[in-house]
PDB file of N, CA and C in Angstrom:
ATOM      1  N   MET A   1     155.130 -60.038  69.566  1.00  0.00           N
ATOM      2  CA  MET A   1     154.879 -61.176  68.730  1.00  0.00           C
ATOM      3  C   MET A   1     153.445 -61.198  68.328  1.00  0.00           C
ATOM      4  N   SER A   2     153.077 -61.551  67.087  1.00  0.00           N
ATOM      5  CA  SER A   2     151.714 -61.591  66.673  1.00  0.00           C
ATOM      6  C   SER A   2     151.033 -62.883  66.961  1.00  0.00           C
ATOM      7  N   ASP A   3     149.759 -62.789  67.148  1.00  0.00           N
ATOM      8  CA  ASP A   3     148.980 -64.034  67.464  1.00  0.00           C
ATOM      9  C   ASP A   3     148.935 -64.886  66.232  1.00  0.00           C
ATOM     10  N   VAL A   4     149.047 -66.162  66.406  1.00  0.00           N
ATOM     11  CA  VAL A   4     148.901 -67.127  65.297  1.00  0.00           C
ATOM     12  C   VAL A   4     147.427 -67.302  65.019  1.00  0.00           C
ATOM     13  N   LYS A   5     147.037 -67.150  63.736  1.00  0.00           N
ATOM     14  CA  LYS A   5     145.650 -67.330  63.377  1.00  0.00           C
ATOM     15  C   LYS A   5     145.347 -68.816  63.193  1.00  0.00           C
ATOM     16  N   LYS A   6     144.198 -69.174  63.738  1.00  0.00           N
ATOM     17  CA  LYS A   6     143.726 -70.563  63.617  1.00  0.00           C
ATOM     18  C   LYS A   6     142.567 -70.593  62.676  1.00  0.00           C
ATOM     19  N   PRO A   7     142.489 -71.630  61.856  1.00  0.00           N
ATOM     20  CA  PRO A   7     141.298 -71.683  60.954  1.00  0.00           C
ATOM     21  C   PRO A   7     140.068 -71.934  61.767  1.00  0.00           C
ATOM     22  N   GLN A   8     138.974 -71.395  61.305  1.00  0.00           N
ATOM     23  CA  GLN A   8     137.692 -71.536  62.069  1.00  0.00           C
ATOM     24  C   GLN A   8     137.266 -72.965  61.887  1.00  0.00           C
ATOM     25  N   ASP A   9     136.658 -73.484  62.931  1.00  0.00           N
ATOM     26  CA  ASP A   9     136.182 -74.867  62.941  1.00  0.00           C
ATOM     27  C   ASP A   9     134.814 -74.872  62.265  1.00  0.00           C
ATOM     28  N   ARG A  10     134.791 -75.077  60.985  1.00  0.00           N
ATOM     29  CA  ARG A  10     133.513 -75.155  60.277  1.00  0.00           C
ATOM     30  C   ARG A  10     133.469 -76.445  59.507  1.00  0.00           C
ATOM     31  N   LYS A  11     132.277 -76.954  59.445  1.00  0.00           N
ATOM     32  CA  LYS A  11     132.078 -78.166  58.652  1.00  0.00           C
ATOM     33  C   LYS A  11     132.135 -77.813  57.131  1.00  0.00           C
ATOM     34  N   PRO A  12     132.713 -78.627  56.352  1.00  0.00           N
ATOM     35  CA  PRO A  12     132.747 -78.339  54.931  1.00  0.00           C
ATOM     36  C   PRO A  12     131.285 -78.499  54.362  1.00  0.00           C
ATOM     37  N   LYS A  13     131.034 -77.760  53.296  1.00  0.00           N
ATOM     38  CA  LYS A  13     129.691 -77.880  52.660  1.00  0.00           C
ATOM     39  C   LYS A  13     129.496 -79.272  52.148  1.00  0.00           C
ATOM     40  N   ALA A  14     128.266 -79.741  52.224  1.00  0.00           N
ATOM     41  CA  ALA A  14     127.995 -81.078  51.767  1.00  0.00           C
ATOM     42  C   ALA A  14     128.104 -81.050  50.225  1.00  0.00           C
ATOM     43  N   LYS A  15     128.708 -82.087  49.713  1.00  0.00           N
ATOM     44  CA  LYS A  15     128.877 -82.216  48.295  1.00  0.00           C
ATOM     45  C   LYS A  15     127.609 -82.816  47.693  1.00  0.00           C
ATOM     46  N   SER A  16     127.244 -82.336  46.544  1.00  0.00           N
ATOM     47  CA  SER A  16     126.081 -82.868  45.815  1.00  0.00           C
ATOM     48  C   SER A  16     126.353 -84.319  45.392  1.00  0.00           C
ATOM     49  N   THR A  17     125.369 -85.163  45.596  1.00  0.00           N
ATOM     50  CA  THR A  17     125.516 -86.532  45.153  1.00  0.00           C
ATOM     51  C   THR A  17     125.009 -86.813  43.764  1.00  0.00           C
ATOM     52  N   GLY A  18     124.442 -85.738  43.151  1.00  0.00           N
ATOM     53  CA  GLY A  18     123.874 -85.842  41.832  1.00  0.00           C
ATOM     54  C   GLY A  18     123.544 -84.540  41.254  1.00  0.00           C
ATOM     55  N   ASN A  19     122.992 -84.487  40.065  1.00  0.00           N
ATOM     56  CA  ASN A  19     122.710 -83.270  39.368  1.00  0.00           C
ATOM     57  C   ASN A  19     121.293 -82.833  39.856  1.00  0.00           C
ATOM     58  N   THR A  20     121.275 -81.720  40.719  1.00  0.00           N
ATOM     59  CA  THR A  20     119.987 -81.287  41.189  1.00  0.00           C
ATOM     60  C   THR A  20     119.268 -80.477  40.130  1.00  0.00           C
ATOM     61  N   GLU A  21     119.884 -80.224  39.002  1.00  0.00           N
ATOM     62  CA  GLU A  21     119.266 -79.447  37.915  1.00  0.00           C
ATOM     63  C   GLU A  21     118.282 -80.328  37.151  1.00  0.00           C
ATOM     64  N   CYS A  22     118.529 -81.613  37.112  1.00  0.00           N
ATOM     65  CA  CYS A  22     117.624 -82.524  36.352  1.00  0.00           C
ATOM     66  C   CYS A  22     116.773 -83.364  37.271  1.00  0.00           C
ATOM     67  N   PHE A  23     115.519 -83.383  37.016  1.00  0.00           N
ATOM     68  CA  PHE A  23     114.582 -84.245  37.778  1.00  0.00           C
ATOM     69  C   PHE A  23     114.550 -85.591  37.106  1.00  0.00           C
ATOM     70  N   THR A  24     114.687 -86.649  37.864  1.00  0.00           N
ATOM     71  CA  THR A  24     114.567 -88.002  37.347  1.00  0.00           C
ATOM     72  C   THR A  24     113.480 -88.758  38.087  1.00  0.00           C
ATOM     73  N   PHE A  25     112.866 -89.696  37.420  1.00  0.00           N
ATOM     74  CA  PHE A  25     111.853 -90.623  38.062  1.00  0.00           C
ATOM     75  C   PHE A  25     112.012 -91.911  37.403  1.00  0.00           C
ATOM     76  N   THR A  26     111.512 -92.928  38.104  1.00  0.00           N
ATOM     77  CA  THR A  26     111.522 -94.273  37.605  1.00  0.00           C
ATOM     78  C   THR A  26     110.111 -94.732  37.422  1.00  0.00           C
ATOM     79  N   HIS A  27     109.791 -95.311  36.289  1.00  0.00           N
ATOM     80  CA  HIS A  27     108.460 -95.862  36.065  1.00  0.00           C
ATOM     81  C   HIS A  27     108.587 -97.232  35.337  1.00  0.00           C
ATOM     82  N   ASP A  28     108.007 -98.240  35.937  1.00  0.00           N
ATOM     83  CA  ASP A  28     108.064 -99.647  35.391  1.00  0.00           C
ATOM     84  C   ASP A  28     109.557-100.071  35.218  1.00  0.00           C
ATOM     85  N   GLY A  29     110.422 -99.663  36.134  1.00  0.00           N
ATOM     86  CA  GLY A  29     111.819-100.104  36.028  1.00  0.00           C
ATOM     87  C   GLY A  29     112.689 -99.328  35.089  1.00  0.00           C
ATOM     88  N   VAL A  30     112.128 -98.291  34.473  1.00  0.00           N
ATOM     89  CA  VAL A  30     112.916 -97.449  33.540  1.00  0.00           C
ATOM     90  C   VAL A  30     113.071 -96.063  34.110  1.00  0.00           C
ATOM     91  N   GLU A  31     114.312 -95.549  34.110  1.00  0.00           N
ATOM     92  CA  GLU A  31     114.537 -94.211  34.648  1.00  0.00           C
ATOM     93  C   GLU A  31     114.402 -93.142  33.513  1.00  0.00           C
ATOM     94  N   TYR A  32     113.688 -92.078  33.802  1.00  0.00           N
ATOM     95  CA  TYR A  32     113.524 -91.032  32.891  1.00  0.00           C
ATOM     96  C   TYR A  32     114.105 -89.725  33.520  1.00  0.00           C
ATOM     97  N   THR A  33     114.728 -88.935  32.671  1.00  0.00           N
ATOM     98  CA  THR A  33     115.352 -87.694  33.124  1.00  0.00           C
ATOM     99  C   THR A  33     114.757 -86.492  32.293  1.00  0.00           C
ATOM    100  N   LEU A  34     114.338 -85.494  33.040  1.00  0.00           N
ATOM    101  CA  LEU A  34     113.828 -84.319  32.383  1.00  0.00           C
ATOM    102  C   LEU A  34     115.004 -83.400  32.046  1.00  0.00           C
ATOM    103  N   ARG A  35     114.771 -82.376  31.196  1.00  0.00           N
ATOM    104  CA  ARG A  35     115.746 -81.398  30.858  1.00  0.00           C
ATOM    105  C   ARG A  35     116.198 -80.680  32.057  1.00  0.00           C
ATOM    106  N   PRO A  36     117.333 -80.035  32.046  1.00  0.00           N
ATOM    107  CA  PRO A  36     117.752 -79.225  33.270  1.00  0.00           C
ATOM    108  C   PRO A  36     116.670 -78.226  33.698  1.00  0.00           C
ATOM    109  N   THR A  37     116.174 -78.338  34.855  1.00  0.00           N
ATOM    110  CA  THR A  37     115.067 -77.590  35.343  1.00  0.00           C
ATOM    111  C   THR A  37     115.228 -76.079  35.202  1.00  0.00           C
ATOM    112  N   TYR A  38     116.331 -75.530  35.664  1.00  0.00           N
ATOM    113  CA  TYR A  38     116.433 -74.113  35.655  1.00  0.00           C
ATOM    114  C   TYR A  38     117.025 -73.516  34.357  1.00  0.00           C
ATOM    115  N   ASP A  39     117.263 -74.350  33.390  1.00  0.00           N
ATOM    116  CA  ASP A  39     117.496 -73.857  32.030  1.00  0.00           C
ATOM    117  C   ASP A  39     116.216 -73.511  31.356  1.00  0.00           C
ATOM    118  N   VAL A  40     115.146 -74.210  31.844  1.00  0.00           N
ATOM    119  CA  VAL A  40     113.792 -74.023  31.226  1.00  0.00           C
ATOM    120  C   VAL A  40     112.947 -73.075  32.105  1.00  0.00           C
ATOM    121  N   LEU A  41     112.922 -73.394  33.396  1.00  0.00           N
ATOM    122  CA  LEU A  41     111.997 -72.663  34.272  1.00  0.00           C
ATOM    123  C   LEU A  41     112.698 -71.304  34.750  1.00  0.00           C
ATOM    124  N   THR A  42     112.942 -70.505  33.788  1.00  0.00           N
ATOM    125  CA  THR A  42     113.583 -69.189  34.037  1.00  0.00           C
ATOM    126  C   THR A  42     112.583 -68.220  34.614  1.00  0.00           C
ATOM    127  N   PRO A  43     113.035 -67.086  35.156  1.00  0.00           N
ATOM    128  CA  PRO A  43     112.082 -66.114  35.614  1.00  0.00           C
ATOM    129  C   PRO A  43     111.084 -65.641  34.535  1.00  0.00           C
ATOM    130  N   GLY A  44     111.537 -65.578  33.275  1.00  0.00           N
ATOM    131  CA  GLY A  44     110.680 -65.219  32.139  1.00  0.00           C
ATOM    132  C   GLY A  44     109.612 -66.263  31.971  1.00  0.00           C
ATOM    133  N   PHE A  45     109.941 -67.546  32.006  1.00  0.00           N
ATOM    134  CA  PHE A  45     108.947 -68.596  31.854  1.00  0.00           C
ATOM    135  C   PHE A  45     107.938 -68.514  32.950  1.00  0.00           C
ATOM    136  N   LEU A  46     108.411 -68.311  34.199  1.00  0.00           N
ATOM    137  CA  LEU A  46     107.536 -68.219  35.364  1.00  0.00           C
ATOM    138  C   LEU A  46     106.548 -66.970  35.249  1.00  0.00           C
ATOM    139  N   ARG A  47     107.170 -65.883  34.776  1.00  0.00           N
ATOM    140  CA  ARG A  47     106.344 -64.727  34.644  1.00  0.00           C
ATOM    141  C   ARG A  47     105.263 -64.858  33.592  1.00  0.00           C
ATOM    142  N   LYS A  48     105.624 -65.495  32.484  1.00  0.00           N
ATOM    143  CA  LYS A  48     104.612 -65.673  31.392  1.00  0.00           C
ATOM    144  C   LYS A  48     103.516 -66.687  31.778  1.00  0.00           C
ATOM    145  N   ASN A  49     103.814 -67.556  32.776  1.00  0.00           N
ATOM    146  CA  ASN A  49     102.810 -68.583  33.176  1.00  0.00           C
ATOM    147  C   ASN A  49     102.305 -68.367  34.622  1.00  0.00           C
ATOM    148  N   ARG A  50     102.431 -67.205  35.109  1.00  0.00           N
ATOM    149  CA  ARG A  50     102.065 -66.967  36.508  1.00  0.00           C
ATOM    150  C   ARG A  50     100.585 -67.021  36.790  1.00  0.00           C
ATOM    151  N   ASN A  51      99.769 -66.779  35.824  1.00  0.00           N
ATOM    152  CA  ASN A  51      98.290 -66.773  36.075  1.00  0.00           C
ATOM    153  C   ASN A  51      97.593 -68.115  35.807  1.00  0.00           C
ATOM    154  N   ARG A  52      98.328 -69.115  35.624  1.00  0.00           N
ATOM    155  CA  ARG A  52      97.762 -70.455  35.345  1.00  0.00           C
ATOM    156  C   ARG A  52      97.351 -71.081  36.673  1.00  0.00           C
ATOM    157  N   SER A  53      96.411 -72.040  36.564  1.00  0.00           N
ATOM    158  CA  SER A  53      96.050 -72.815  37.773  1.00  0.00           C
ATOM    159  C   SER A  53      97.246 -73.700  38.100  1.00  0.00           C
ATOM    160  N   ASP A  54      97.324 -74.217  39.318  1.00  0.00           N
ATOM    161  CA  ASP A  54      98.437 -75.058  39.710  1.00  0.00           C
ATOM    162  C   ASP A  54      98.606 -76.270  38.799  1.00  0.00           C
ATOM    163  N   MET A  55      97.491 -76.904  38.422  1.00  0.00           N
ATOM    164  CA  MET A  55      97.578 -78.065  37.530  1.00  0.00           C
ATOM    165  C   MET A  55      98.078 -77.666  36.169  1.00  0.00           C
ATOM    166  N   ASP A  56      97.485 -76.582  35.625  1.00  0.00           N
ATOM    167  CA  ASP A  56      97.882 -76.113  34.291  1.00  0.00           C
ATOM    168  C   ASP A  56      99.386 -75.782  34.293  1.00  0.00           C
ATOM    169  N   ALA A  57      99.806 -75.090  35.319  1.00  0.00           N
ATOM    170  CA  ALA A  57     101.232 -74.700  35.437  1.00  0.00           C
ATOM    171  C   ALA A  57     102.150 -75.954  35.489  1.00  0.00           C
ATOM    172  N   PHE A  58     101.678 -76.975  36.240  1.00  0.00           N
ATOM    173  CA  PHE A  58     102.515 -78.183  36.358  1.00  0.00           C
ATOM    174  C   PHE A  58     102.604 -78.884  35.004  1.00  0.00           C
ATOM    175  N   PHE A  59     101.507 -78.982  34.235  1.00  0.00           N
ATOM    176  CA  PHE A  59     101.598 -79.611  32.950  1.00  0.00           C
ATOM    177  C   PHE A  59     102.383 -78.780  31.947  1.00  0.00           C
ATOM    178  N   THR A  60     102.325 -77.464  32.083  1.00  0.00           N
ATOM    179  CA  THR A  60     103.146 -76.580  31.212  1.00  0.00           C
ATOM    180  C   THR A  60     104.623 -76.845  31.449  1.00  0.00           C
ATOM    181  N   MET A  61     104.993 -76.954  32.722  1.00  0.00           N
ATOM    182  CA  MET A  61     106.390 -77.197  33.073  1.00  0.00           C
ATOM    183  C   MET A  61     106.856 -78.597  32.526  1.00  0.00           C
ATOM    184  N   LEU A  62     105.975 -79.611  32.735  1.00  0.00           N
ATOM    185  CA  LEU A  62     106.320 -80.966  32.192  1.00  0.00           C
ATOM    186  C   LEU A  62     106.509 -80.934  30.648  1.00  0.00           C
ATOM    187  N   GLU A  63     105.605 -80.210  29.992  1.00  0.00           N
ATOM    188  CA  GLU A  63     105.734 -80.134  28.476  1.00  0.00           C
ATOM    189  C   GLU A  63     106.987 -79.496  28.059  1.00  0.00           C
ATOM    190  N   GLU A  64     107.502 -78.506  28.844  1.00  0.00           N
ATOM    191  CA  GLU A  64     108.766 -77.883  28.509  1.00  0.00           C
ATOM    192  C   GLU A  64     109.965 -78.701  28.871  1.00  0.00           C
ATOM    193  N   LEU A  65     109.844 -79.549  29.896  1.00  0.00           N
ATOM    194  CA  LEU A  65     110.993 -80.266  30.409  1.00  0.00           C
ATOM    195  C   LEU A  65     111.134 -81.671  29.856  1.00  0.00           C
ATOM    196  N   ALA A  66     110.085 -82.298  29.428  1.00  0.00           N
ATOM    197  CA  ALA A  66     110.085 -83.742  29.014  1.00  0.00           C
ATOM    198  C   ALA A  66     110.042 -83.858  27.476  1.00  0.00           C
ATOM    199  N   ASP A  67     110.658 -84.932  27.008  1.00  0.00           N
ATOM    200  CA  ASP A  67     110.556 -85.208  25.602  1.00  0.00           C
ATOM    201  C   ASP A  67     109.264 -86.012  25.346  1.00  0.00           C
ATOM    202  N   ALA A  68     108.925 -86.310  24.115  1.00  0.00           N
ATOM    203  CA  ALA A  68     107.673 -86.875  23.723  1.00  0.00           C
ATOM    204  C   ALA A  68     107.516 -88.287  24.365  1.00  0.00           C
ATOM    205  N   GLU A  69     108.603 -89.052  24.433  1.00  0.00           N
ATOM    206  CA  GLU A  69     108.477 -90.461  25.049  1.00  0.00           C
ATOM    207  C   GLU A  69     108.182 -90.317  26.523  1.00  0.00           C
ATOM    208  N   THR A  70     108.817 -89.410  27.219  1.00  0.00           N
ATOM    209  CA  THR A  70     108.578 -89.263  28.633  1.00  0.00           C
ATOM    210  C   THR A  70     107.157 -88.743  28.883  1.00  0.00           C
ATOM    211  N   LEU A  71     106.674 -87.824  28.081  1.00  0.00           N
ATOM    212  CA  LEU A  71     105.309 -87.323  28.214  1.00  0.00           C
ATOM    213  C   LEU A  71     104.288 -88.440  28.014  1.00  0.00           C
ATOM    214  N   ASP A  72     104.572 -89.356  27.096  1.00  0.00           N
ATOM    215  CA  ASP A  72     103.680 -90.477  26.879  1.00  0.00           C
ATOM    216  C   ASP A  72     103.642 -91.404  28.083  1.00  0.00           C
ATOM    217  N   VAL A  73     104.828 -91.618  28.757  1.00  0.00           N
ATOM    218  CA  VAL A  73     104.869 -92.417  29.975  1.00  0.00           C
ATOM    219  C   VAL A  73     104.029 -91.757  31.052  1.00  0.00           C
ATOM    220  N   ILE A  74     104.211 -90.439  31.182  1.00  0.00           N
ATOM    221  CA  ILE A  74     103.469 -89.693  32.205  1.00  0.00           C
ATOM    222  C   ILE A  74     101.973 -89.719  31.923  1.00  0.00           C
ATOM    223  N   ASP A  75     101.597 -89.570  30.673  1.00  0.00           N
ATOM    224  CA  ASP A  75     100.160 -89.610  30.311  1.00  0.00           C
ATOM    225  C   ASP A  75      99.494 -90.894  30.657  1.00  0.00           C
ATOM    226  N   ASN A  76     100.266 -91.973  30.674  1.00  0.00           N
ATOM    227  CA  ASN A  76      99.680 -93.311  30.891  1.00  0.00           C
ATOM    228  C   ASN A  76      99.851 -93.818  32.309  1.00  0.00           C
ATOM    229  N   MET A  77     100.318 -92.931  33.215  1.00  0.00           N
ATOM    230  CA  MET A  77     100.409 -93.339  34.629  1.00  0.00           C
ATOM    231  C   MET A  77      99.050 -93.385  35.307  1.00  0.00           C
ATOM    232  N   SER A  78      98.975 -94.182  36.353  1.00  0.00           N
ATOM    233  CA  SER A  78      97.757 -94.214  37.189  1.00  0.00           C
ATOM    234  C   SER A  78      97.707 -92.878  37.917  1.00  0.00           C
ATOM    235  N   ARG A  79      96.568 -92.543  38.446  1.00  0.00           N
ATOM    236  CA  ARG A  79      96.404 -91.326  39.234  1.00  0.00           C
ATOM    237  C   ARG A  79      97.346 -91.273  40.401  1.00  0.00           C
ATOM    238  N   THR A  80      97.506 -92.427  41.062  1.00  0.00           N
ATOM    239  CA  THR A  80      98.366 -92.554  42.187  1.00  0.00           C
ATOM    240  C   THR A  80      99.843 -92.301  41.808  1.00  0.00           C
ATOM    241  N   GLU A  81     100.257 -92.923  40.704  1.00  0.00           N
ATOM    242  CA  GLU A  81     101.607 -92.741  40.245  1.00  0.00           C
ATOM    243  C   GLU A  81     101.901 -91.274  39.834  1.00  0.00           C
ATOM    244  N   PHE A  82     100.906 -90.707  39.161  1.00  0.00           N
ATOM    245  CA  PHE A  82     101.057 -89.300  38.759  1.00  0.00           C
ATOM    246  C   PHE A  82     101.132 -88.347  39.998  1.00  0.00           C
ATOM    247  N   HIS A  83     100.290 -88.626  40.982  1.00  0.00           N
ATOM    248  CA  HIS A  83     100.327 -87.793  42.194  1.00  0.00           C
ATOM    249  C   HIS A  83     101.721 -87.879  42.871  1.00  0.00           C
ATOM    250  N   GLU A  84     102.266 -89.094  42.912  1.00  0.00           N
ATOM    251  CA  GLU A  84     103.619 -89.278  43.492  1.00  0.00           C
ATOM    252  C   GLU A  84     104.622 -88.503  42.637  1.00  0.00           C
ATOM    253  N   LEU A  85     104.569 -88.584  41.354  1.00  0.00           N
ATOM    254  CA  LEU A  85     105.463 -87.875  40.444  1.00  0.00           C
ATOM    255  C   LEU A  85     105.372 -86.387  40.765  1.00  0.00           C
ATOM    256  N   GLN A  86     104.163 -85.885  40.848  1.00  0.00           N
ATOM    257  CA  GLN A  86     103.941 -84.411  41.079  1.00  0.00           C
ATOM    258  C   GLN A  86     104.563 -84.044  42.424  1.00  0.00           C
ATOM    259  N   GLN A  87     104.396 -84.856  43.504  1.00  0.00           N
ATOM    260  CA  GLN A  87     104.941 -84.554  44.816  1.00  0.00           C
ATOM    261  C   GLN A  87     106.508 -84.556  44.744  1.00  0.00           C
ATOM    262  N   ASP A  88     107.030 -85.588  44.098  1.00  0.00           N
ATOM    263  CA  ASP A  88     108.464 -85.670  43.958  1.00  0.00           C
ATOM    264  C   ASP A  88     109.090 -84.474  43.167  1.00  0.00           C
ATOM    265  N   PHE A  89     108.355 -84.093  42.108  1.00  0.00           N
ATOM    266  CA  PHE A  89     108.891 -82.943  41.338  1.00  0.00           C
ATOM    267  C   PHE A  89     108.914 -81.669  42.157  1.00  0.00           C
ATOM    268  N   TYR A  90     107.843 -81.439  42.943  1.00  0.00           N
ATOM    269  CA  TYR A  90     107.834 -80.165  43.760  1.00  0.00           C
ATOM    270  C   TYR A  90     108.919 -80.260  44.853  1.00  0.00           C
ATOM    271  N   LYS A  91     109.234 -81.507  45.373  1.00  0.00           N
ATOM    272  CA  LYS A  91     110.339 -81.617  46.309  1.00  0.00           C
ATOM    273  C   LYS A  91     111.627 -81.306  45.651  1.00  0.00           C
ATOM    274  N   HIS A  92     111.788 -81.810  44.367  1.00  0.00           N
ATOM    275  CA  HIS A  92     112.990 -81.494  43.612  1.00  0.00           C
ATOM    276  C   HIS A  92     113.173 -79.996  43.453  1.00  0.00           C
ATOM    277  N   LEU A  93     112.114 -79.252  43.210  1.00  0.00           N
ATOM    278  CA  LEU A  93     112.197 -77.757  43.082  1.00  0.00           C
ATOM    279  C   LEU A  93     112.627 -77.178  44.381  1.00  0.00           C
ATOM    280  N   GLU A  94     112.149 -77.651  45.522  1.00  0.00           N
ATOM    281  CA  GLU A  94     112.506 -77.133  46.760  1.00  0.00           C
ATOM    282  C   GLU A  94     114.043 -77.339  47.099  1.00  0.00           C
ATOM    283  N   VAL A  95     114.537 -78.556  46.796  1.00  0.00           N
ATOM    284  CA  VAL A  95     115.906 -78.866  47.031  1.00  0.00           C
ATOM    285  C   VAL A  95     116.773 -78.080  46.104  1.00  0.00           C
ATOM    286  N   ALA A  96     116.415 -77.981  44.852  1.00  0.00           N
ATOM    287  CA  ALA A  96     117.211 -77.273  43.862  1.00  0.00           C
ATOM    288  C   ALA A  96     117.350 -75.773  44.147  1.00  0.00           C
ATOM    289  N   THR A  97     116.317 -75.235  44.803  1.00  0.00           N
ATOM    290  CA  THR A  97     116.360 -73.756  45.099  1.00  0.00           C
ATOM    291  C   THR A  97     116.863 -73.475  46.502  1.00  0.00           C
ATOM    292  N   ALA A  98     117.091 -74.495  47.326  1.00  0.00           N
ATOM    293  CA  ALA A  98     117.484 -74.269  48.707  1.00  0.00           C
ATOM    294  C   ALA A  98     118.802 -73.594  48.838  1.00  0.00           C
ATOM    295  N   GLY A  99     119.755 -73.762  47.900  1.00  0.00           N
ATOM    296  CA  GLY A  99     121.058 -73.182  47.987  1.00  0.00           C
ATOM    297  C   GLY A  99     121.147 -71.772  47.444  1.00  0.00           C
ATOM    298  N   GLU A 100     120.067 -71.258  46.918  1.00  0.00           N
ATOM    299  CA  GLU A 100     120.116 -69.961  46.317  1.00  0.00           C
ATOM    300  C   GLU A 100     119.942 -68.855  47.312  1.00  0.00           C
TER     301      GLU A 100
END
């Protein structure tokens, strides 16, 4: 008689609670969503911008991902708000690439 196979006891993968491709932030009670991150930040984009300073690279990414209205909101943030946005964006990149 053959042994009966039992399924392995594994936890199912966590389901995404949102679109990790798009970065969103809230400013003054309004939510803003950038274009899908990895549709824009392709290996070619990163290669072409690899020699930029960290700040220049960050602004280049924002200019590619945000529309004019969102850029205007970012431009008028306080330094503290902008620093928080920058930290949140880099966390978004870490989470979005964790599954790769």
